[in-house]
Amino acid sequence: MSTAVRSRALPRGATDGHRLKNVLWSLVIGLRPMLLGYWAVMVVALFLGGLAVQLVTSGVTSSAWDYGTQSPKYFSMAVGITVTPAYFALLISQGITRRMFSFASGIYLAGAAAGTSLLWVLMYQLERLLYAAQGWPDTMTNPHLFTSTTQAGLIFAEFFLLILSHEVTGWLLGITFVRFGAWRGIVLLPLALLPAAAAEFLLVAQWLADVLDTIGYRRPPLAIAVPAVLVVSALGVYAGYRVLRPMAVKPTKG
């Protein structure tokens, strides 16, 4: 691939595809124990553990996997928070530009969101087959964009959008606290929380749905809500990059 083609494919300053792959690989390898460990805990502790508890108590009356719908959002926020404190100084000191670091982080966060969302889709399908074979009701305990676990596309869309937006909020939290310190980081919390808040109010799924329903708030059409969440998340990644640009490698004290 020529230099000109690479320049069109990547943001200016991130034209070295080999170096970009190395940055991405560093993020994947470094955060792999955190991500895979979370997936394992959720499958074993949430699904198998929850199913076992139902079996030995009142019997299986609802989806065990659906109990954990809040978890991936907040775990993924922690992943987003981790990226800058853990990798910024190391990668920048190796000659990686802040633009490339931000670009690679955005790709990684989108990939991690897709991976976790696929896990949720897969587990809903496995649970549906198991419950159907045993004659158990797979009633869901949380409101969703989907009404049946056969709607794999809507399951993926819901979790991907919610996870990605919370990752971006984590990304902004990590950057603002590292650059500005604790007190100014707290002042900037409303800015950092915007991507997650926008997704919650645009999608109106899971725990917030019941709360908003009581005040008469209704979700906008998905044709508006889905692209809006993606745009806000992309702007959040870009905002993080803008904050990173003048940031020193040595973190701010206090």
C-alpha atoms as a PDB file:
ATOM      1  CA  MET A   1       0.000   0.000   0.000  1.00  0.00           C
ATOM      2  CA  SER A   2       1.432   3.371  -0.989  1.00  0.00           C
ATOM      3  CA  THR A   3       1.965   6.228   1.457  1.00  0.00           C
ATOM      4  CA  ALA A   4      -0.787   8.225  -0.236  1.00  0.00           C
ATOM      5  CA  VAL A   5      -3.298   5.402   0.152  1.00  0.00           C
ATOM      6  CA  ARG A   6      -2.345   4.922   3.797  1.00  0.00           C
ATOM      7  CA  SER A   7      -2.767   8.642   4.398  1.00  0.00           C
ATOM      8  CA  ARG A   8      -6.338   8.490   3.140  1.00  0.00           C
ATOM      9  CA  ALA A   9      -7.136   5.363   5.186  1.00  0.00           C
ATOM     10  CA  LEU A  10      -5.885   6.695   8.525  1.00  0.00           C
ATOM     11  CA  PRO A  11      -5.927  10.098  10.258  1.00  0.00           C
ATOM     12  CA  ARG A  12      -2.953  12.356   9.588  1.00  0.00           C
ATOM     13  CA  GLY A  13      -0.130  11.359  11.923  1.00  0.00           C
ATOM     14  CA  ALA A  14      -1.245   7.707  12.050  1.00  0.00           C
ATOM     15  CA  THR A  15      -0.126   6.653   8.576  1.00  0.00           C
ATOM     16  CA  ASP A  16       2.201   3.840   9.587  1.00  0.00           C
ATOM     17  CA  GLY A  17      -0.018   0.771   9.433  1.00  0.00           C
ATOM     18  CA  HIS A  18       2.571  -1.472  11.057  1.00  0.00           C
ATOM     19  CA  ARG A  19       2.940   0.811  14.074  1.00  0.00           C
ATOM     20  CA  LEU A  20      -0.830   1.116  14.376  1.00  0.00           C
ATOM     21  CA  LYS A  21      -1.126  -2.676  14.447  1.00  0.00           C
ATOM     22  CA  ASN A  22       1.515  -2.786  17.174  1.00  0.00           C
ATOM     23  CA  VAL A  23      -0.402  -0.256  19.277  1.00  0.00           C
ATOM     24  CA  LEU A  24      -3.634  -2.209  18.828  1.00  0.00           C
ATOM     25  CA  TRP A  25      -1.866  -5.454  19.669  1.00  0.00           C
ATOM     26  CA  SER A  26      -0.456  -3.875  22.833  1.00  0.00           C
ATOM     27  CA  LEU A  27      -3.967  -2.881  23.925  1.00  0.00           C
ATOM     28  CA  VAL A  28      -5.411  -6.298  23.052  1.00  0.00           C
ATOM     29  CA  ILE A  29      -2.709  -8.246  24.889  1.00  0.00           C
ATOM     30  CA  GLY A  30      -2.547  -5.928  27.877  1.00  0.00           C
ATOM     31  CA  LEU A  31      -6.303  -5.789  28.463  1.00  0.00           C
ATOM     32  CA  ARG A  32      -7.015  -9.408  27.470  1.00  0.00           C
ATOM     33  CA  PRO A  33      -6.921 -10.810  31.032  1.00  0.00           C
ATOM     34  CA  MET A  34      -9.364  -8.134  32.172  1.00  0.00           C
ATOM     35  CA  LEU A  35     -11.800  -8.733  29.303  1.00  0.00           C
ATOM     36  CA  LEU A  36     -11.606 -12.531  29.114  1.00  0.00           C
ATOM     37  CA  GLY A  37     -11.732 -12.796  32.892  1.00  0.00           C
ATOM     38  CA  TYR A  38     -14.935 -10.771  32.928  1.00  0.00           C
ATOM     39  CA  TRP A  39     -16.500 -12.953  30.231  1.00  0.00           C
ATOM     40  CA  ALA A  40     -15.612 -16.101  32.158  1.00  0.00           C
ATOM     41  CA  VAL A  41     -16.990 -14.735  35.426  1.00  0.00           C
ATOM     42  CA  MET A  42     -20.253 -13.740  33.776  1.00  0.00           C
ATOM     43  CA  VAL A  43     -20.775 -17.122  32.103  1.00  0.00           C
ATOM     44  CA  VAL A  44     -19.854 -19.168  35.168  1.00  0.00           C
ATOM     45  CA  ALA A  45     -21.061 -17.008  38.052  1.00  0.00           C
ATOM     46  CA  LEU A  46     -24.022 -15.260  36.457  1.00  0.00           C
ATOM     47  CA  PHE A  47     -25.456 -17.820  34.088  1.00  0.00           C
ATOM     48  CA  LEU A  48     -24.494 -21.179  35.568  1.00  0.00           C
ATOM     49  CA  GLY A  49     -24.595 -19.874  39.135  1.00  0.00           C
ATOM     50  CA  GLY A  50     -27.911 -18.095  38.629  1.00  0.00           C
ATOM     51  CA  LEU A  51     -29.421 -21.144  36.972  1.00  0.00           C
ATOM     52  CA  ALA A  52     -28.244 -23.368  39.830  1.00  0.00           C
ATOM     53  CA  VAL A  53     -29.771 -21.024  42.420  1.00  0.00           C
ATOM     54  CA  GLN A  54     -33.115 -21.088  40.619  1.00  0.00           C
ATOM     55  CA  LEU A  55     -33.050 -24.874  40.346  1.00  0.00           C
ATOM     56  CA  VAL A  56     -32.453 -25.429  44.074  1.00  0.00           C
ATOM     57  CA  THR A  57     -34.931 -22.785  45.243  1.00  0.00           C
ATOM     58  CA  SER A  58     -38.225 -22.046  43.501  1.00  0.00           C
ATOM     59  CA  GLY A  59     -37.363 -23.611  40.151  1.00  0.00           C
ATOM     60  CA  VAL A  60     -36.478 -21.944  36.875  1.00  0.00           C
ATOM     61  CA  THR A  61     -39.007 -19.185  36.239  1.00  0.00           C
ATOM     62  CA  SER A  62     -37.064 -16.618  34.193  1.00  0.00           C
ATOM     63  CA  SER A  63     -33.937 -16.009  32.156  1.00  0.00           C
ATOM     64  CA  ALA A  64     -30.809 -16.373  34.278  1.00  0.00           C
ATOM     65  CA  TRP A  65     -28.674 -14.535  31.698  1.00  0.00           C
ATOM     66  CA  ASP A  66     -30.996 -11.521  31.691  1.00  0.00           C
ATOM     67  CA  TYR A  67     -30.162 -10.757  35.333  1.00  0.00           C
ATOM     68  CA  GLY A  68     -26.793  -9.403  34.239  1.00  0.00           C
ATOM     69  CA  THR A  69     -27.831  -6.890  31.601  1.00  0.00           C
ATOM     70  CA  GLN A  70     -26.470  -3.908  33.580  1.00  0.00           C
ATOM     71  CA  SER A  71     -23.062  -5.446  34.153  1.00  0.00           C
ATOM     72  CA  PRO A  72     -21.398  -5.118  30.715  1.00  0.00           C
ATOM     73  CA  LYS A  73     -22.008  -1.373  30.605  1.00  0.00           C
ATOM     74  CA  TYR A  74     -20.261  -0.631  33.863  1.00  0.00           C
ATOM     75  CA  PHE A  75     -17.468  -3.129  33.333  1.00  0.00           C
ATOM     76  CA  SER A  76     -16.819  -1.629  29.917  1.00  0.00           C
ATOM     77  CA  MET A  77     -16.693   1.831  31.454  1.00  0.00           C
ATOM     78  CA  ALA A  78     -13.857   0.509  33.631  1.00  0.00           C
ATOM     79  CA  VAL A  79     -12.077  -0.719  30.482  1.00  0.00           C
ATOM     80  CA  GLY A  80     -12.352   2.752  28.982  1.00  0.00           C
ATOM     81  CA  ILE A  81     -11.030   4.340  32.169  1.00  0.00           C
ATOM     82  CA  THR A  82      -8.043   1.969  32.190  1.00  0.00           C
ATOM     83  CA  VAL A  83      -6.735   2.696  28.686  1.00  0.00           C
ATOM     84  CA  THR A  84      -5.151   6.114  29.233  1.00  0.00           C
ATOM     85  CA  PRO A  85      -3.603   5.656  32.709  1.00  0.00           C
ATOM     86  CA  ALA A  86      -2.223   2.245  31.754  1.00  0.00           C
ATOM     87  CA  TYR A  87      -0.934   2.889  28.222  1.00  0.00           C
ATOM     88  CA  PHE A  88      -0.618   6.592  27.407  1.00  0.00           C
ATOM     89  CA  ALA A  89       2.789   7.297  28.964  1.00  0.00           C
ATOM     90  CA  LEU A  90       4.223   3.950  27.823  1.00  0.00           C
ATOM     91  CA  LEU A  91       3.182   4.297  24.181  1.00  0.00           C
ATOM     92  CA  ILE A  92       3.895   8.020  23.820  1.00  0.00           C
ATOM     93  CA  SER A  93       7.372   7.498  25.246  1.00  0.00           C
ATOM     94  CA  GLN A  94       7.930   4.902  22.472  1.00  0.00           C
ATOM     95  CA  GLY A  95       7.257   7.506  19.801  1.00  0.00           C
ATOM     96  CA  ILE A  96       3.543   6.853  19.228  1.00  0.00           C
ATOM     97  CA  THR A  97       1.674  10.063  18.454  1.00  0.00           C
ATOM     98  CA  ARG A  98      -1.330  11.140  20.489  1.00  0.00           C
ATOM     99  CA  ARG A  99      -3.423  10.958  17.329  1.00  0.00           C
ATOM    100  CA  MET A 100      -2.393   7.360  16.701  1.00  0.00           C
ATOM    101  CA  PHE A 101      -2.975   6.462  20.347  1.00  0.00           C
ATOM    102  CA  SER A 102      -6.496   7.923  20.198  1.00  0.00           C
ATOM    103  CA  PHE A 103      -7.247   6.250  16.866  1.00  0.00           C
ATOM    104  CA  ALA A 104      -6.050   2.857  18.098  1.00  0.00           C
ATOM    105  CA  SER A 105      -7.957   3.254  21.369  1.00  0.00           C
ATOM    106  CA  GLY A 106     -11.169   3.985  19.466  1.00  0.00           C
ATOM    107  CA  ILE A 107     -10.699   0.863  17.340  1.00  0.00           C
ATOM    108  CA  TYR A 108      -9.955  -1.250  20.398  1.00  0.00           C
ATOM    109  CA  LEU A 109     -12.976   0.025  22.344  1.00  0.00           C
ATOM    110  CA  ALA A 110     -15.280  -0.648  19.378  1.00  0.00           C
ATOM    111  CA  GLY A 111     -13.834  -4.156  19.025  1.00  0.00           C
ATOM    112  CA  ALA A 112     -14.194  -4.905  22.729  1.00  0.00           C
ATOM    113  CA  ALA A 113     -17.791  -3.665  22.640  1.00  0.00           C
ATOM    114  CA  ALA A 114     -18.519  -5.921  19.670  1.00  0.00           C
ATOM    115  CA  GLY A 115     -16.924  -8.921  21.404  1.00  0.00           C
ATOM    116  CA  THR A 116     -18.927  -8.494  24.600  1.00  0.00           C
ATOM    117  CA  SER A 117     -22.121  -7.909  22.606  1.00  0.00           C
ATOM    118  CA  LEU A 118     -21.542 -11.108  20.634  1.00  0.00           C
ATOM    119  CA  LEU A 119     -21.109 -12.996  23.899  1.00  0.00           C
ATOM    120  CA  TRP A 120     -24.470 -11.675  25.077  1.00  0.00           C
ATOM    121  CA  VAL A 121     -26.132 -12.702  21.814  1.00  0.00           C
ATOM    122  CA  LEU A 122     -24.599 -16.183  21.979  1.00  0.00           C
ATOM    123  CA  MET A 123     -25.570 -16.761  25.604  1.00  0.00           C
ATOM    124  CA  TYR A 124     -29.157 -15.669  24.986  1.00  0.00           C
ATOM    125  CA  GLN A 125     -29.345 -18.210  22.125  1.00  0.00           C
ATOM    126  CA  LEU A 126     -27.825 -21.029  24.170  1.00  0.00           C
ATOM    127  CA  GLU A 127     -30.144 -20.245  27.052  1.00  0.00           C
ATOM    128  CA  ARG A 128     -33.181 -20.219  24.745  1.00  0.00           C
ATOM    129  CA  LEU A 129     -32.304 -23.665  23.393  1.00  0.00           C
ATOM    130  CA  LEU A 130     -31.680 -25.057  26.879  1.00  0.00           C
ATOM    131  CA  TYR A 131     -34.893 -23.616  28.294  1.00  0.00           C
ATOM    132  CA  ALA A 132     -36.930 -24.877  25.329  1.00  0.00           C
ATOM    133  CA  ALA A 133     -35.501 -28.375  25.754  1.00  0.00           C
ATOM    134  CA  GLN A 134     -36.359 -28.386  29.475  1.00  0.00           C
ATOM    135  CA  GLY A 135     -39.727 -26.645  29.129  1.00  0.00           C
ATOM    136  CA  TRP A 136     -38.644 -23.697  31.279  1.00  0.00           C
ATOM    137  CA  PRO A 137     -40.029 -20.156  30.753  1.00  0.00           C
ATOM    138  CA  ASP A 138     -37.332 -17.752  29.592  1.00  0.00           C
ATOM    139  CA  THR A 139     -39.120 -14.606  30.745  1.00  0.00           C
ATOM    140  CA  MET A 140     -36.826 -11.578  30.720  1.00  0.00           C
ATOM    141  CA  THR A 141     -36.653  -9.434  33.844  1.00  0.00           C
ATOM    142  CA  ASN A 142     -35.475  -6.223  32.129  1.00  0.00           C
ATOM    143  CA  PRO A 143     -36.972  -4.059  29.361  1.00  0.00           C
ATOM    144  CA  HIS A 144     -35.054  -4.230  26.073  1.00  0.00           C
ATOM    145  CA  LEU A 145     -35.092  -3.088  22.480  1.00  0.00           C
ATOM    146  CA  PHE A 146     -35.914  -6.708  21.660  1.00  0.00           C
ATOM    147  CA  THR A 147     -38.975  -8.628  22.797  1.00  0.00           C
ATOM    148  CA  SER A 148     -37.642 -12.109  22.101  1.00  0.00           C
ATOM    149  CA  THR A 149     -34.188 -13.646  22.309  1.00  0.00           C
ATOM    150  CA  THR A 150     -34.626 -14.813  18.703  1.00  0.00           C
ATOM    151  CA  GLN A 151     -34.024 -11.168  17.654  1.00  0.00           C
ATOM    152  CA  ALA A 152     -30.255 -11.490  17.579  1.00  0.00           C
ATOM    153  CA  GLY A 153     -29.738  -8.284  15.590  1.00  0.00           C
ATOM    154  CA  LEU A 154     -31.570  -6.135  18.132  1.00  0.00           C
ATOM    155  CA  ILE A 155     -29.767  -7.853  21.017  1.00  0.00           C
ATOM    156  CA  PHE A 156     -26.416  -7.042  19.440  1.00  0.00           C
ATOM    157  CA  ALA A 157     -27.444  -3.465  18.621  1.00  0.00           C
ATOM    158  CA  GLU A 158     -28.667  -2.757  22.159  1.00  0.00           C
ATOM    159  CA  PHE A 159     -25.608  -4.086  23.921  1.00  0.00           C
ATOM    160  CA  PHE A 160     -23.094  -2.743  21.404  1.00  0.00           C
ATOM    161  CA  LEU A 161     -24.461   0.791  21.589  1.00  0.00           C
ATOM    162  CA  LEU A 162     -24.772   0.823  25.380  1.00  0.00           C
ATOM    163  CA  ILE A 163     -21.357  -0.754  25.912  1.00  0.00           C
ATOM    164  CA  LEU A 164     -19.596   1.499  23.391  1.00  0.00           C
ATOM    165  CA  SER A 165     -21.091   4.678  24.844  1.00  0.00           C
ATOM    166  CA  HIS A 166     -20.106   3.669  28.382  1.00  0.00           C
ATOM    167  CA  GLU A 167     -16.597   2.792  27.186  1.00  0.00           C
ATOM    168  CA  VAL A 168     -16.291   6.267  25.684  1.00  0.00           C
ATOM    169  CA  THR A 169     -17.457   7.798  28.958  1.00  0.00           C
ATOM    170  CA  GLY A 170     -14.745   5.762  30.685  1.00  0.00           C
ATOM    171  CA  TRP A 171     -12.210   6.946  28.077  1.00  0.00           C
ATOM    172  CA  LEU A 172     -13.104  10.576  28.855  1.00  0.00           C
ATOM    173  CA  LEU A 173     -13.001   9.960  32.610  1.00  0.00           C
ATOM    174  CA  GLY A 174      -9.553   8.403  32.401  1.00  0.00           C
ATOM    175  CA  ILE A 175      -8.201  11.246  30.261  1.00  0.00           C
ATOM    176  CA  THR A 176      -9.643  14.128  32.277  1.00  0.00           C
ATOM    177  CA  PHE A 177      -8.520  12.738  35.614  1.00  0.00           C
ATOM    178  CA  VAL A 178      -5.022  11.964  34.334  1.00  0.00           C
ATOM    179  CA  ARG A 179      -4.564  15.348  32.709  1.00  0.00           C
ATOM    180  CA  PHE A 180      -6.321  17.644  35.178  1.00  0.00           C
ATOM    181  CA  GLY A 181      -6.104  15.733  38.446  1.00  0.00           C
ATOM    182  CA  ALA A 182      -8.849  14.686  40.834  1.00  0.00           C
ATOM    183  CA  TRP A 183     -10.570  17.970  41.634  1.00  0.00           C
ATOM    184  CA  ARG A 184     -10.814  19.344  38.112  1.00  0.00           C
ATOM    185  CA  GLY A 185     -11.642  15.847  36.911  1.00  0.00           C
ATOM    186  CA  ILE A 186     -14.669  15.864  39.210  1.00  0.00           C
ATOM    187  CA  VAL A 187     -15.733  19.258  37.830  1.00  0.00           C
ATOM    188  CA  LEU A 188     -15.569  17.810  34.310  1.00  0.00           C
ATOM    189  CA  LEU A 189     -17.694  14.770  35.184  1.00  0.00           C
ATOM    190  CA  PRO A 190     -20.810  16.085  33.359  1.00  0.00           C
ATOM    191  CA  LEU A 191     -18.816  16.301  30.111  1.00  0.00           C
ATOM    192  CA  ALA A 192     -17.414  12.795  30.514  1.00  0.00           C
ATOM    193  CA  LEU A 193     -20.816  11.301  31.317  1.00  0.00           C
ATOM    194  CA  LEU A 194     -22.492  12.709  28.198  1.00  0.00           C
ATOM    195  CA  PRO A 195     -21.961   9.661  25.898  1.00  0.00           C
ATOM    196  CA  ALA A 196     -23.372   7.195  28.444  1.00  0.00           C
ATOM    197  CA  ALA A 197     -26.266   9.505  29.376  1.00  0.00           C
ATOM    198  CA  ALA A 198     -27.124  10.109  25.711  1.00  0.00           C
ATOM    199  CA  ALA A 199     -27.260   6.367  25.025  1.00  0.00           C
ATOM    200  CA  GLU A 200     -29.456   5.706  28.051  1.00  0.00           C
ATOM    201  CA  PHE A 201     -31.968   8.405  27.097  1.00  0.00           C
ATOM    202  CA  LEU A 202     -31.944   7.626  23.383  1.00  0.00           C
ATOM    203  CA  LEU A 203     -32.286   3.832  23.698  1.00  0.00           C
ATOM    204  CA  VAL A 204     -34.392   3.641  26.892  1.00  0.00           C
ATOM    205  CA  ALA A 205     -33.501   0.035  27.658  1.00  0.00           C
ATOM    206  CA  GLN A 206     -32.807  -1.961  30.821  1.00  0.00           C
ATOM    207  CA  TRP A 207     -33.236  -0.433  34.285  1.00  0.00           C
ATOM    208  CA  LEU A 208     -33.797   3.154  33.147  1.00  0.00           C
ATOM    209  CA  ALA A 209     -36.720   2.196  30.919  1.00  0.00           C
ATOM    210  CA  ASP A 210     -39.104   1.657  33.838  1.00  0.00           C
ATOM    211  CA  VAL A 211     -38.010   4.893  35.500  1.00  0.00           C
ATOM    212  CA  LEU A 212     -38.530   6.972  32.351  1.00  0.00           C
ATOM    213  CA  ASP A 213     -41.825   5.244  31.620  1.00  0.00           C
ATOM    214  CA  THR A 214     -43.256   6.495  34.910  1.00  0.00           C
ATOM    215  CA  ILE A 215     -42.675  10.115  33.846  1.00  0.00           C
ATOM    216  CA  GLY A 216     -44.086   9.584  30.367  1.00  0.00           C
ATOM    217  CA  TYR A 217     -40.785   9.736  28.459  1.00  0.00           C
ATOM    218  CA  ARG A 218     -40.753   7.707  25.255  1.00  0.00           C
ATOM    219  CA  ARG A 219     -37.810   6.493  23.205  1.00  0.00           C
ATOM    220  CA  PRO A 220     -37.281   8.226  19.853  1.00  0.00           C
ATOM    221  CA  PRO A 221     -37.491   6.028  16.744  1.00  0.00           C
ATOM    222  CA  LEU A 222     -34.533   3.666  16.420  1.00  0.00           C
ATOM    223  CA  ALA A 223     -33.775   5.191  13.020  1.00  0.00           C
ATOM    224  CA  ILE A 224     -32.862   8.351  14.950  1.00  0.00           C
ATOM    225  CA  ALA A 225     -31.611   6.853  18.207  1.00  0.00           C
ATOM    226  CA  VAL A 226     -29.057   4.392  16.770  1.00  0.00           C
ATOM    227  CA  PRO A 227     -27.095   6.829  14.563  1.00  0.00           C
ATOM    228  CA  ALA A 228     -27.336   9.482  17.281  1.00  0.00           C
ATOM    229  CA  VAL A 229     -25.642   7.180  19.812  1.00  0.00           C
ATOM    230  CA  LEU A 230     -22.909   6.356  17.291  1.00  0.00           C
ATOM    231  CA  VAL A 231     -22.326  10.039  16.519  1.00  0.00           C
ATOM    232  CA  VAL A 232     -22.167  11.026  20.192  1.00  0.00           C
ATOM    233  CA  SER A 233     -19.747   8.160  20.899  1.00  0.00           C
ATOM    234  CA  ALA A 234     -17.517   9.164  17.973  1.00  0.00           C
ATOM    235  CA  LEU A 235     -17.532  12.771  19.159  1.00  0.00           C
ATOM    236  CA  GLY A 236     -16.609  11.546  22.642  1.00  0.00           C
ATOM    237  CA  VAL A 237     -13.540   9.739  21.291  1.00  0.00           C
ATOM    238  CA  TYR A 238     -12.572  12.868  19.344  1.00  0.00           C
ATOM    239  CA  ALA A 239     -13.091  15.058  22.413  1.00  0.00           C
ATOM    240  CA  GLY A 240     -10.788  12.753  24.344  1.00  0.00           C
ATOM    241  CA  TYR A 241      -8.155  13.142  21.634  1.00  0.00           C
ATOM    242  CA  ARG A 242      -8.426  16.928  21.806  1.00  0.00           C
ATOM    243  CA  VAL A 243      -7.888  16.824  25.559  1.00  0.00           C
ATOM    244  CA  LEU A 244      -4.941  14.450  25.075  1.00  0.00           C
ATOM    245  CA  ARG A 245      -3.127  16.603  22.512  1.00  0.00           C
ATOM    246  CA  PRO A 246      -1.404  18.991  24.956  1.00  0.00           C
ATOM    247  CA  MET A 247      -1.207  16.453  27.798  1.00  0.00           C
ATOM    248  CA  ALA A 248       2.217  15.822  29.269  1.00  0.00           C
ATOM    249  CA  VAL A 249       3.443  12.259  29.725  1.00  0.00           C
ATOM    250  CA  LYS A 250       3.827  12.880  33.462  1.00  0.00           C
ATOM    251  CA  PRO A 251       0.332  12.884  35.067  1.00  0.00           C
ATOM    252  CA  THR A 252      -1.022  15.864  36.966  1.00  0.00           C
ATOM    253  CA  LYS A 253      -0.849  15.686  40.736  1.00  0.00           C
ATOM    254  CA  GLY A 254      -3.964  16.185  42.859  1.00  0.00           C
END
